[in-house]
Amino acid sequence: SLLVGTSFAKSLAYGLNIPLIDVNHMQAHILAHFIDEAGFN
């Protein structure tokens, strides 16, 4: 499953000539708290 997302992201970033950013899934669960969302501190 990871290979599908990784391959697609690398190809798209390369084709658009923009940065590629790798993310740790477990860190993302934690940092979801920092999404700007009304009513959530």
PDB file of all heavy atoms in Angstrom:
ATOM      1  N   SER A   1       0.825  -1.207   0.000  1.00  0.00           N
ATOM      2  CA  SER A   1       0.000   0.000   0.000  1.00  0.00           C
ATOM      3  C   SER A   1       0.858   1.255   0.000  1.00  0.00           C
ATOM      4  O   SER A   1       0.597   2.214  -0.734  1.00  0.00           O
ATOM      5  CB  SER A   1      -0.925  -0.001   1.230  1.00  0.00           C
ATOM      6  OG  SER A   1      -1.830  -1.079   1.182  1.00  0.00           O
ATOM      7  N   LEU A   2       1.905   1.248   0.825  1.00  0.00           N
ATOM      8  CA  LEU A   2       2.812   2.398   0.889  1.00  0.00           C
ATOM      9  C   LEU A   2       3.502   2.646  -0.444  1.00  0.00           C
ATOM     10  O   LEU A   2       3.692   3.801  -0.851  1.00  0.00           O
ATOM     11  CB  LEU A   2       3.868   2.175   1.979  1.00  0.00           C
ATOM     12  CG  LEU A   2       3.386   2.186   3.429  1.00  0.00           C
ATOM     13  CD1 LEU A   2       4.479   1.658   4.352  1.00  0.00           C
ATOM     14  CD2 LEU A   2       2.969   3.597   3.854  1.00  0.00           C
ATOM     15  N   LEU A   3       3.873   1.567  -1.132  1.00  0.00           N
ATOM     16  CA  LEU A   3       4.580   1.710  -2.411  1.00  0.00           C
ATOM     17  C   LEU A   3       3.723   2.432  -3.446  1.00  0.00           C
ATOM     18  O   LEU A   3       4.245   3.214  -4.246  1.00  0.00           O
ATOM     19  CB  LEU A   3       4.991   0.331  -2.936  1.00  0.00           C
ATOM     20  CG  LEU A   3       6.201  -0.313  -2.250  1.00  0.00           C
ATOM     21  CD1 LEU A   3       6.371  -1.753  -2.721  1.00  0.00           C
ATOM     22  CD2 LEU A   3       7.464   0.490  -2.519  1.00  0.00           C
ATOM     23  N   VAL A   4       2.415   2.181  -3.428  1.00  0.00           N
ATOM     24  CA  VAL A   4       1.532   2.843  -4.393  1.00  0.00           C
ATOM     25  C   VAL A   4       1.542   4.355  -4.160  1.00  0.00           C
ATOM     26  O   VAL A   4       1.740   5.142  -5.088  1.00  0.00           O
ATOM     27  CB  VAL A   4       0.092   2.291  -4.301  1.00  0.00           C
ATOM     28  CG1 VAL A   4      -0.829   3.064  -5.242  1.00  0.00           C
ATOM     29  CG2 VAL A   4       0.059   0.805  -4.644  1.00  0.00           C
ATOM     30  N   GLY A   5       1.340   4.756  -2.909  1.00  0.00           N
ATOM     31  CA  GLY A   5       1.324   6.188  -2.600  1.00  0.00           C
ATOM     32  C   GLY A   5       2.663   6.851  -2.810  1.00  0.00           C
ATOM     33  O   GLY A   5       2.747   7.970  -3.341  1.00  0.00           O
ATOM     34  N   THR A   6       3.737   6.164  -2.417  1.00  0.00           N
ATOM     35  CA  THR A   6       5.089   6.704  -2.578  1.00  0.00           C
ATOM     36  C   THR A   6       5.430   6.909  -4.056  1.00  0.00           C
ATOM     37  O   THR A   6       5.926   7.975  -4.451  1.00  0.00           O
ATOM     38  CB  THR A   6       6.124   5.762  -1.936  1.00  0.00           C
ATOM     39  OG1 THR A   6       5.826   5.602  -0.550  1.00  0.00           O
ATOM     40  CG2 THR A   6       7.528   6.310  -2.089  1.00  0.00           C
ATOM     41  N   SER A   7       5.155   5.904  -4.860  1.00  0.00           N
ATOM     42  CA  SER A   7       5.467   5.991  -6.292  1.00  0.00           C
ATOM     43  C   SER A   7       4.681   7.099  -6.975  1.00  0.00           C
ATOM     44  O   SER A   7       5.230   7.864  -7.788  1.00  0.00           O
ATOM     45  CB  SER A   7       5.179   4.650  -6.978  1.00  0.00           C
ATOM     46  OG  SER A   7       5.952   3.618  -6.414  1.00  0.00           O
ATOM     47  N   PHE A   8       3.400   7.197  -6.630  1.00  0.00           N
ATOM     48  CA  PHE A   8       2.568   8.241  -7.240  1.00  0.00           C
ATOM     49  C   PHE A   8       3.069   9.630  -6.849  1.00  0.00           C
ATOM     50  O   PHE A   8       3.198  10.521  -7.688  1.00  0.00           O
ATOM     51  CB  PHE A   8       1.107   8.066  -6.820  1.00  0.00           C
ATOM     52  CG  PHE A   8       0.185   9.093  -7.435  1.00  0.00           C
ATOM     53  CD1 PHE A   8      -0.414   8.848  -8.666  1.00  0.00           C
ATOM     54  CD2 PHE A   8      -0.077  10.293  -6.800  1.00  0.00           C
ATOM     55  CE1 PHE A   8      -1.251   9.789  -9.248  1.00  0.00           C
ATOM     56  CE2 PHE A   8      -0.909  11.241  -7.366  1.00  0.00           C
ATOM     57  CZ  PHE A   8      -1.498  10.984  -8.600  1.00  0.00           C
ATOM     58  N   ALA A   9       3.337   9.814  -5.556  1.00  0.00           N
ATOM     59  CA  ALA A   9       3.780  11.128  -5.064  1.00  0.00           C
ATOM     60  C   ALA A   9       5.104  11.535  -5.698  1.00  0.00           C
ATOM     61  O   ALA A   9       5.288  12.697  -6.101  1.00  0.00           O
ATOM     62  CB  ALA A   9       3.915  11.091  -3.539  1.00  0.00           C
ATOM     63  N   LYS A  10       6.043  10.602  -5.798  1.00  0.00           N
ATOM     64  CA  LYS A  10       7.341  10.905  -6.403  1.00  0.00           C
ATOM     65  C   LYS A  10       7.178  11.307  -7.864  1.00  0.00           C
ATOM     66  O   LYS A  10       7.795  12.279  -8.325  1.00  0.00           O
ATOM     67  CB  LYS A  10       8.266   9.696  -6.278  1.00  0.00           C
ATOM     68  CG  LYS A  10       8.748   9.439  -4.852  1.00  0.00           C
ATOM     69  CD  LYS A  10       9.394   8.060  -4.675  1.00  0.00           C
ATOM     70  CE  LYS A  10      10.725   7.964  -5.344  1.00  0.00           C
ATOM     71  NZ  LYS A  10      11.415   6.691  -5.003  1.00  0.00           N
ATOM     72  N   SER A  11       6.339  10.575  -8.580  1.00  0.00           N
ATOM     73  CA  SER A  11       6.124  10.866 -10.002  1.00  0.00           C
ATOM     74  C   SER A  11       5.476  12.226 -10.196  1.00  0.00           C
ATOM     75  O   SER A  11       5.873  13.006 -11.068  1.00  0.00           O
ATOM     76  CB  SER A  11       5.247   9.778 -10.631  1.00  0.00           C
ATOM     77  OG  SER A  11       5.859   8.515 -10.530  1.00  0.00           O
ATOM     78  N   LEU A  12       4.455  12.523  -9.373  1.00  0.00           N
ATOM     79  CA  LEU A  12       3.745  13.800  -9.511  1.00  0.00           C
ATOM     80  C   LEU A  12       4.660  14.973  -9.174  1.00  0.00           C
ATOM     81  O   LEU A  12       4.698  15.972  -9.903  1.00  0.00           O
ATOM     82  CB  LEU A  12       2.508  13.810  -8.605  1.00  0.00           C
ATOM     83  CG  LEU A  12       1.617  15.053  -8.706  1.00  0.00           C
ATOM     84  CD1 LEU A  12       1.072  15.223 -10.125  1.00  0.00           C
ATOM     85  CD2 LEU A  12       0.450  14.966  -7.712  1.00  0.00           C
ATOM     86  N   ALA A  13       5.395  14.860  -8.075  1.00  0.00           N
ATOM     87  CA  ALA A  13       6.310  15.939  -7.686  1.00  0.00           C
ATOM     88  C   ALA A  13       7.380  16.157  -8.757  1.00  0.00           C
ATOM     89  O   ALA A  13       7.720  17.306  -9.093  1.00  0.00           O
ATOM     90  CB  ALA A  13       6.955  15.620  -6.340  1.00  0.00           C
ATOM     91  N   TYR A  14       7.891  15.072  -9.291  1.00  0.00           N
ATOM     92  CA  TYR A  14       8.918  15.166 -10.335  1.00  0.00           C
ATOM     93  C   TYR A  14       8.354  15.828 -11.584  1.00  0.00           C
ATOM     94  O   TYR A  14       8.981  16.714 -12.189  1.00  0.00           O
ATOM     95  CB  TYR A  14       9.447  13.768 -10.671  1.00  0.00           C
ATOM     96  CG  TYR A  14      10.575  13.765 -11.672  1.00  0.00           C
ATOM     97  CD1 TYR A  14      11.881  14.038 -11.282  1.00  0.00           C
ATOM     98  CD2 TYR A  14      10.328  13.477 -13.010  1.00  0.00           C
ATOM     99  CE1 TYR A  14      12.918  14.032 -12.200  1.00  0.00           C
ATOM    100  CE2 TYR A  14      11.360  13.468 -13.940  1.00  0.00           C
ATOM    101  CZ  TYR A  14      12.651  13.747 -13.529  1.00  0.00           C
ATOM    102  OH  TYR A  14      13.682  13.745 -14.446  1.00  0.00           O
ATOM    103  N   GLY A  15       7.143  15.404 -11.979  1.00  0.00           N
ATOM    104  CA  GLY A  15       6.525  15.963 -13.177  1.00  0.00           C
ATOM    105  C   GLY A  15       6.203  17.438 -13.053  1.00  0.00           C
ATOM    106  O   GLY A  15       6.288  18.189 -14.029  1.00  0.00           O
ATOM    107  N   LEU A  16       5.837  17.868 -11.845  1.00  0.00           N
ATOM    108  CA  LEU A  16       5.490  19.275 -11.609  1.00  0.00           C
ATOM    109  C   LEU A  16       6.709  20.105 -11.200  1.00  0.00           C
ATOM    110  O   LEU A  16       6.607  21.331 -11.056  1.00  0.00           O
ATOM    111  CB  LEU A  16       4.419  19.374 -10.516  1.00  0.00           C
ATOM    112  CG  LEU A  16       3.051  18.768 -10.837  1.00  0.00           C
ATOM    113  CD1 LEU A  16       2.148  18.794  -9.606  1.00  0.00           C
ATOM    114  CD2 LEU A  16       2.379  19.515 -11.994  1.00  0.00           C
ATOM    115  N   ASN A  17       7.848  19.419 -10.955  1.00  0.00           N
ATOM    116  CA  ASN A  17       9.081  20.089 -10.526  1.00  0.00           C
ATOM    117  C   ASN A  17       8.870  20.867  -9.233  1.00  0.00           C
ATOM    118  O   ASN A  17       9.259  22.034  -9.103  1.00  0.00           O
ATOM    119  CB  ASN A  17       9.618  21.013 -11.626  1.00  0.00           C
ATOM    120  CG  ASN A  17      11.062  21.442 -11.362  1.00  0.00           C
ATOM    121  OD1 ASN A  17      11.825  20.713 -10.714  1.00  0.00           O
ATOM    122  ND2 ASN A  17      11.428  22.627 -11.827  1.00  0.00           N
ATOM    123  N   ILE A  18       8.224  20.207  -8.267  1.00  0.00           N
ATOM    124  CA  ILE A  18       7.983  20.813  -6.949  1.00  0.00           C
ATOM    125  C   ILE A  18       8.519  19.870  -5.871  1.00  0.00           C
ATOM    126  O   ILE A  18       8.753  18.687  -6.128  1.00  0.00           O
ATOM    127  CB  ILE A  18       6.482  21.100  -6.701  1.00  0.00           C
ATOM    128  CG1 ILE A  18       5.658  19.810  -6.834  1.00  0.00           C
ATOM    129  CG2 ILE A  18       5.974  22.187  -7.647  1.00  0.00           C
ATOM    130  CD1 ILE A  18       4.164  19.999  -6.528  1.00  0.00           C
ATOM    131  N   PRO A  19       8.728  20.376  -4.646  1.00  0.00           N
ATOM    132  CA  PRO A  19       9.299  19.537  -3.587  1.00  0.00           C
ATOM    133  C   PRO A  19       8.434  18.328  -3.226  1.00  0.00           C
ATOM    134  O   PRO A  19       7.200  18.369  -3.314  1.00  0.00           O
ATOM    135  CB  PRO A  19       9.402  20.502  -2.398  1.00  0.00           C
ATOM    136  CG  PRO A  19       9.475  21.862  -3.007  1.00  0.00           C
ATOM    137  CD  PRO A  19       8.599  21.785  -4.222  1.00  0.00           C
ATOM    138  N   LEU A  20       9.113  17.284  -2.782  1.00  0.00           N
ATOM    139  CA  LEU A  20       8.504  16.053  -2.290  1.00  0.00           C
ATOM    140  C   LEU A  20       8.737  16.002  -0.787  1.00  0.00           C
ATOM    141  O   LEU A  20       9.841  16.281  -0.319  1.00  0.00           O
ATOM    142  CB  LEU A  20       9.168  14.860  -2.979  1.00  0.00           C
ATOM    143  CG  LEU A  20       8.718  13.449  -2.604  1.00  0.00           C
ATOM    144  CD1 LEU A  20       7.302  13.188  -3.115  1.00  0.00           C
ATOM    145  CD2 LEU A  20       9.696  12.416  -3.186  1.00  0.00           C
ATOM    146  N   ILE A  21       7.691  15.668  -0.020  1.00  0.00           N
ATOM    147  CA  ILE A  21       7.809  15.664   1.442  1.00  0.00           C
ATOM    148  C   ILE A  21       7.334  14.322   1.985  1.00  0.00           C
ATOM    149  O   ILE A  21       6.185  13.928   1.766  1.00  0.00           O
ATOM    150  CB  ILE A  21       6.976  16.803   2.077  1.00  0.00           C
ATOM    151  CG1 ILE A  21       7.453  18.171   1.548  1.00  0.00           C
ATOM    152  CG2 ILE A  21       7.059  16.752   3.600  1.00  0.00           C
ATOM    153  CD1 ILE A  21       6.580  19.340   1.973  1.00  0.00           C
ATOM    154  N   ASP A  22       8.225  13.610   2.677  1.00  0.00           N
ATOM    155  CA  ASP A  22       7.837  12.324   3.269  1.00  0.00           C
ATOM    156  C   ASP A  22       7.306  12.538   4.681  1.00  0.00           C
ATOM    157  O   ASP A  22       7.803  13.386   5.425  1.00  0.00           O
ATOM    158  CB  ASP A  22       9.010  11.354   3.270  1.00  0.00           C
ATOM    159  CG  ASP A  22      10.171  11.829   4.130  1.00  0.00           C
ATOM    160  OD1 ASP A  22      10.582  13.004   3.963  1.00  0.00           O
ATOM    161  OD2 ASP A  22      10.648  11.053   4.967  1.00  0.00           O
ATOM    162  N   VAL A  23       6.281  11.766   5.043  1.00  0.00           N
ATOM    163  CA  VAL A  23       5.583  11.963   6.315  1.00  0.00           C
ATOM    164  C   VAL A  23       5.507  10.638   7.077  1.00  0.00           C
ATOM    165  O   VAL A  23       5.200   9.597   6.501  1.00  0.00           O
ATOM    166  CB  VAL A  23       4.158  12.512   6.086  1.00  0.00           C
ATOM    167  CG1 VAL A  23       3.376  12.592   7.398  1.00  0.00           C
ATOM    168  CG2 VAL A  23       4.223  13.884   5.416  1.00  0.00           C
ATOM    169  N   ASN A  24       5.788  10.710   8.371  1.00  0.00           N
ATOM    170  CA  ASN A  24       5.600   9.567   9.265  1.00  0.00           C
ATOM    171  C   ASN A  24       4.127   9.529   9.692  1.00  0.00           C
ATOM    172  O   ASN A  24       3.610  10.482  10.271  1.00  0.00           O
ATOM    173  CB  ASN A  24       6.515   9.713  10.491  1.00  0.00           C
ATOM    174  CG  ASN A  24       6.434   8.537  11.440  1.00  0.00           C
ATOM    175  OD1 ASN A  24       5.361   8.184  11.916  1.00  0.00           O
ATOM    176  ND2 ASN A  24       7.582   7.949  11.755  1.00  0.00           N
ATOM    177  N   HIS A  25       3.471   8.424   9.401  1.00  0.00           N
ATOM    178  CA  HIS A  25       2.041   8.268   9.675  1.00  0.00           C
ATOM    179  C   HIS A  25       1.705   8.507  11.151  1.00  0.00           C
ATOM    180  O   HIS A  25       0.682   9.122  11.473  1.00  0.00           O
ATOM    181  CB  HIS A  25       1.620   6.849   9.261  1.00  0.00           C
ATOM    182  CG  HIS A  25       0.178   6.530   9.473  1.00  0.00           C
ATOM    183  ND1 HIS A  25      -0.794   6.770   8.521  1.00  0.00           N
ATOM    184  CD2 HIS A  25      -0.475   5.981  10.522  1.00  0.00           C
ATOM    185  CE1 HIS A  25      -1.968   6.379   8.973  1.00  0.00           C
ATOM    186  NE2 HIS A  25      -1.803   5.901  10.196  1.00  0.00           N
ATOM    187  N   MET A  26       2.568   8.038  12.050  1.00  0.00           N
ATOM    188  CA  MET A  26       2.305   8.178  13.480  1.00  0.00           C
ATOM    189  C   MET A  26       2.466   9.634  13.938  1.00  0.00           C
ATOM    190  O   MET A  26       1.702  10.125  14.770  1.00  0.00           O
ATOM    191  CB  MET A  26       3.232   7.254  14.282  1.00  0.00           C
ATOM    192  CG  MET A  26       3.072   5.780  13.935  1.00  0.00           C
ATOM    193  SD  MET A  26       1.357   5.214  14.051  1.00  0.00           S
ATOM    194  CE  MET A  26       1.047   5.434  15.806  1.00  0.00           C
ATOM    195  N   GLN A  27       3.464  10.324  13.389  1.00  0.00           N
ATOM    196  CA  GLN A  27       3.592  11.757  13.678  1.00  0.00           C
ATOM    197  C   GLN A  27       2.374  12.518  13.172  1.00  0.00           C
ATOM    198  O   GLN A  27       1.896  13.460  13.811  1.00  0.00           O
ATOM    199  CB  GLN A  27       4.853  12.322  13.031  1.00  0.00           C
ATOM    200  CG  GLN A  27       6.141  11.962  13.733  1.00  0.00           C
ATOM    201  CD  GLN A  27       7.336  12.703  13.144  1.00  0.00           C
ATOM    202  OE1 GLN A  27       7.357  13.032  11.958  1.00  0.00           O
ATOM    203  NE2 GLN A  27       8.335  12.953  13.970  1.00  0.00           N
ATOM    204  N   ALA A  28       1.860  12.092  12.028  1.00  0.00           N
ATOM    205  CA  ALA A  28       0.719  12.782  11.416  1.00  0.00           C
ATOM    206  C   ALA A  28      -0.525  12.687  12.288  1.00  0.00           C
ATOM    207  O   ALA A  28      -1.288  13.659  12.404  1.00  0.00           O
ATOM    208  CB  ALA A  28       0.447  12.213  10.028  1.00  0.00           C
ATOM    209  N   HIS A  29      -0.753  11.531  12.908  1.00  0.00           N
ATOM    210  CA  HIS A  29      -1.897  11.406  13.825  1.00  0.00           C
ATOM    211  C   HIS A  29      -1.802  12.439  14.942  1.00  0.00           C
ATOM    212  O   HIS A  29      -2.808  13.017  15.367  1.00  0.00           O
ATOM    213  CB  HIS A  29      -1.944   9.997  14.432  1.00  0.00           C
ATOM    214  CG  HIS A  29      -2.712   9.003  13.615  1.00  0.00           C
ATOM    215  ND1 HIS A  29      -4.036   9.209  13.233  1.00  0.00           N
ATOM    216  CD2 HIS A  29      -2.366   7.790  13.118  1.00  0.00           C
ATOM    217  CE1 HIS A  29      -4.452   8.157  12.542  1.00  0.00           C
ATOM    218  NE2 HIS A  29      -3.467   7.298  12.442  1.00  0.00           N
ATOM    219  N   ILE A  30      -0.595  12.679  15.417  1.00  0.00           N
ATOM    220  CA  ILE A  30      -0.394  13.638  16.502  1.00  0.00           C
ATOM    221  C   ILE A  30      -0.540  15.078  15.995  1.00  0.00           C
ATOM    222  O   ILE A  30      -1.210  15.912  16.608  1.00  0.00           O
ATOM    223  CB  ILE A  30       0.990  13.427  17.145  1.00  0.00           C
ATOM    224  CG1 ILE A  30       1.047  12.047  17.820  1.00  0.00           C
ATOM    225  CG2 ILE A  30       1.309  14.539  18.143  1.00  0.00           C
ATOM    226  CD1 ILE A  30       2.433  11.619  18.273  1.00  0.00           C
ATOM    227  N   LEU A  31       0.074  15.363  14.854  1.00  0.00           N
ATOM    228  CA  LEU A  31       0.061  16.732  14.337  1.00  0.00           C
ATOM    229  C   LEU A  31      -1.260  17.120  13.685  1.00  0.00           C
ATOM    230  O   LEU A  31      -1.462  18.285  13.332  1.00  0.00           O
ATOM    231  CB  LEU A  31       1.224  16.930  13.359  1.00  0.00           C
ATOM    232  CG  LEU A  31       2.618  16.804  14.005  1.00  0.00           C
ATOM    233  CD1 LEU A  31       3.719  16.967  12.962  1.00  0.00           C
ATOM    234  CD2 LEU A  31       2.788  17.824  15.126  1.00  0.00           C
ATOM    235  N   ALA A  32      -2.189  16.172  13.569  1.00  0.00           N
ATOM    236  CA  ALA A  32      -3.542  16.504  13.099  1.00  0.00           C
ATOM    237  C   ALA A  32      -4.198  17.527  14.016  1.00  0.00           C
ATOM    238  O   ALA A  32      -5.107  18.260  13.606  1.00  0.00           O
ATOM    239  CB  ALA A  32      -4.405  15.246  13.028  1.00  0.00           C
ATOM    240  N   HIS A  33      -3.725  17.604  15.259  1.00  0.00           N
ATOM    241  CA  HIS A  33      -4.256  18.582  16.209  1.00  0.00           C
ATOM    242  C   HIS A  33      -3.954  20.025  15.793  1.00  0.00           C
ATOM    243  O   HIS A  33      -4.551  20.959  16.331  1.00  0.00           O
ATOM    244  CB  HIS A  33      -3.655  18.332  17.596  1.00  0.00           C
ATOM    245  CG  HIS A  33      -4.181  17.109  18.276  1.00  0.00           C
ATOM    246  ND1 HIS A  33      -5.338  17.094  19.008  1.00  0.00           N
ATOM    247  CD2 HIS A  33      -3.712  15.842  18.301  1.00  0.00           C
ATOM    248  CE1 HIS A  33      -5.565  15.884  19.475  1.00  0.00           C
ATOM    249  NE2 HIS A  33      -4.587  15.095  19.056  1.00  0.00           N
ATOM    250  N   PHE A  34      -3.022  20.214  14.848  1.00  0.00           N
ATOM    251  CA  PHE A  34      -2.620  21.568  14.466  1.00  0.00           C
ATOM    252  C   PHE A  34      -3.263  22.040  13.164  1.00  0.00           C
ATOM    253  O   PHE A  34      -2.926  23.098  12.639  1.00  0.00           O
ATOM    254  CB  PHE A  34      -1.093  21.645  14.402  1.00  0.00           C
ATOM    255  CG  PHE A  34      -0.460  21.460  15.748  1.00  0.00           C
ATOM    256  CD1 PHE A  34      -0.066  20.196  16.177  1.00  0.00           C
ATOM    257  CD2 PHE A  34      -0.325  22.535  16.613  1.00  0.00           C
ATOM    258  CE1 PHE A  34       0.483  20.007  17.436  1.00  0.00           C
ATOM    259  CE2 PHE A  34       0.221  22.360  17.875  1.00  0.00           C
ATOM    260  CZ  PHE A  34       0.630  21.096  18.293  1.00  0.00           C
ATOM    261  N   ILE A  35      -4.219  21.264  12.659  1.00  0.00           N
ATOM    262  CA  ILE A  35      -5.035  21.729  11.528  1.00  0.00           C
ATOM    263  C   ILE A  35      -5.918  22.876  12.008  1.00  0.00           C
ATOM    264  O   ILE A  35      -6.509  22.810  13.085  1.00  0.00           O
ATOM    265  CB  ILE A  35      -5.910  20.578  10.984  1.00  0.00           C
ATOM    266  CG1 ILE A  35      -5.024  19.479  10.377  1.00  0.00           C
ATOM    267  CG2 ILE A  35      -6.910  21.089   9.962  1.00  0.00           C
ATOM    268  CD1 ILE A  35      -5.784  18.213  10.007  1.00  0.00           C
ATOM    269  N   ASP A  36      -5.979  23.947  11.221  1.00  0.00           N
ATOM    270  CA  ASP A  36      -6.850  25.069  11.572  1.00  0.00           C
ATOM    271  C   ASP A  36      -8.298  24.660  11.357  1.00  0.00           C
ATOM    272  O   ASP A  36      -8.737  24.455  10.217  1.00  0.00           O
ATOM    273  CB  ASP A  36      -6.530  26.297  10.696  1.00  0.00           C
ATOM    274  CG  ASP A  36      -5.246  26.987  11.112  1.00  0.00           C
ATOM    275  OD1 ASP A  36      -4.812  26.773  12.262  1.00  0.00           O
ATOM    276  OD2 ASP A  36      -4.669  27.720  10.296  1.00  0.00           O
ATOM    277  N   GLU A  37      -9.035  24.502  12.443  1.00  0.00           N
ATOM    278  CA  GLU A  37     -10.421  24.060  12.362  1.00  0.00           C
ATOM    279  C   GLU A  37     -11.229  24.803  13.416  1.00  0.00           C
ATOM    280  O   GLU A  37     -10.896  24.774  14.606  1.00  0.00           O
ATOM    281  CB  GLU A  37     -10.529  22.543  12.587  1.00  0.00           C
ATOM    282  CG  GLU A  37     -11.895  21.958  12.373  1.00  0.00           C
ATOM    283  CD  GLU A  37     -12.345  21.984  10.916  1.00  0.00           C
ATOM    284  OE1 GLU A  37     -11.466  21.885  10.021  1.00  0.00           O
ATOM    285  OE2 GLU A  37     -13.562  22.095  10.675  1.00  0.00           O
ATOM    286  N   ALA A  38     -12.274  25.493  12.994  1.00  0.00           N
ATOM    287  CA  ALA A  38     -13.107  26.271  13.922  1.00  0.00           C
ATOM    288  C   ALA A  38     -13.670  25.379  15.023  1.00  0.00           C
ATOM    289  O   ALA A  38     -14.175  24.286  14.757  1.00  0.00           O
ATOM    290  CB  ALA A  38     -14.250  26.940  13.160  1.00  0.00           C
ATOM    291  N   GLY A  39     -13.564  25.843  16.259  1.00  0.00           N
ATOM    292  CA  GLY A  39     -14.112  25.105  17.381  1.00  0.00           C
ATOM    293  C   GLY A  39     -13.175  24.092  18.005  1.00  0.00           C
ATOM    294  O   GLY A  39     -13.533  23.424  18.977  1.00  0.00           O
ATOM    295  N   PHE A  40     -11.955  23.948  17.437  1.00  0.00           N
ATOM    296  CA  PHE A  40     -10.992  22.987  17.965  1.00  0.00           C
ATOM    297  C   PHE A  40      -9.715  23.713  18.365  1.00  0.00           C
ATOM    298  O   PHE A  40      -9.096  24.382  17.551  1.00  0.00           O
ATOM    299  CB  PHE A  40     -10.682  21.907  16.925  1.00  0.00           C
ATOM    300  CG  PHE A  40     -11.832  20.964  16.676  1.00  0.00           C
ATOM    301  CD1 PHE A  40     -12.850  21.319  15.804  1.00  0.00           C
ATOM    302  CD2 PHE A  40     -11.898  19.739  17.324  1.00  0.00           C
ATOM    303  CE1 PHE A  40     -13.923  20.467  15.569  1.00  0.00           C
ATOM    304  CE2 PHE A  40     -12.965  18.881  17.096  1.00  0.00           C
ATOM    305  CZ  PHE A  40     -13.981  19.240  16.222  1.00  0.00           C
ATOM    306  N   ASN A  41      -9.355  23.575  19.642  1.00  0.00           N
ATOM    307  CA  ASN A  41      -8.143  24.208  20.144  1.00  0.00           C
ATOM    308  C   ASN A  41      -6.918  23.349  19.861  1.00  0.00           C
ATOM    309  O   ASN A  41      -7.012  22.127  19.729  1.00  0.00           O
ATOM    310  CB  ASN A  41      -8.262  24.448  21.654  1.00  0.00           C
ATOM    311  CG  ASN A  41      -9.366  25.424  21.997  1.00  0.00           C
ATOM    312  OD1 ASN A  41      -9.586  26.395  21.269  1.00  0.00           O
ATOM    313  ND2 ASN A  41     -10.065  25.171  23.093  1.00  0.00           N
TER     314      ASN A  41
END
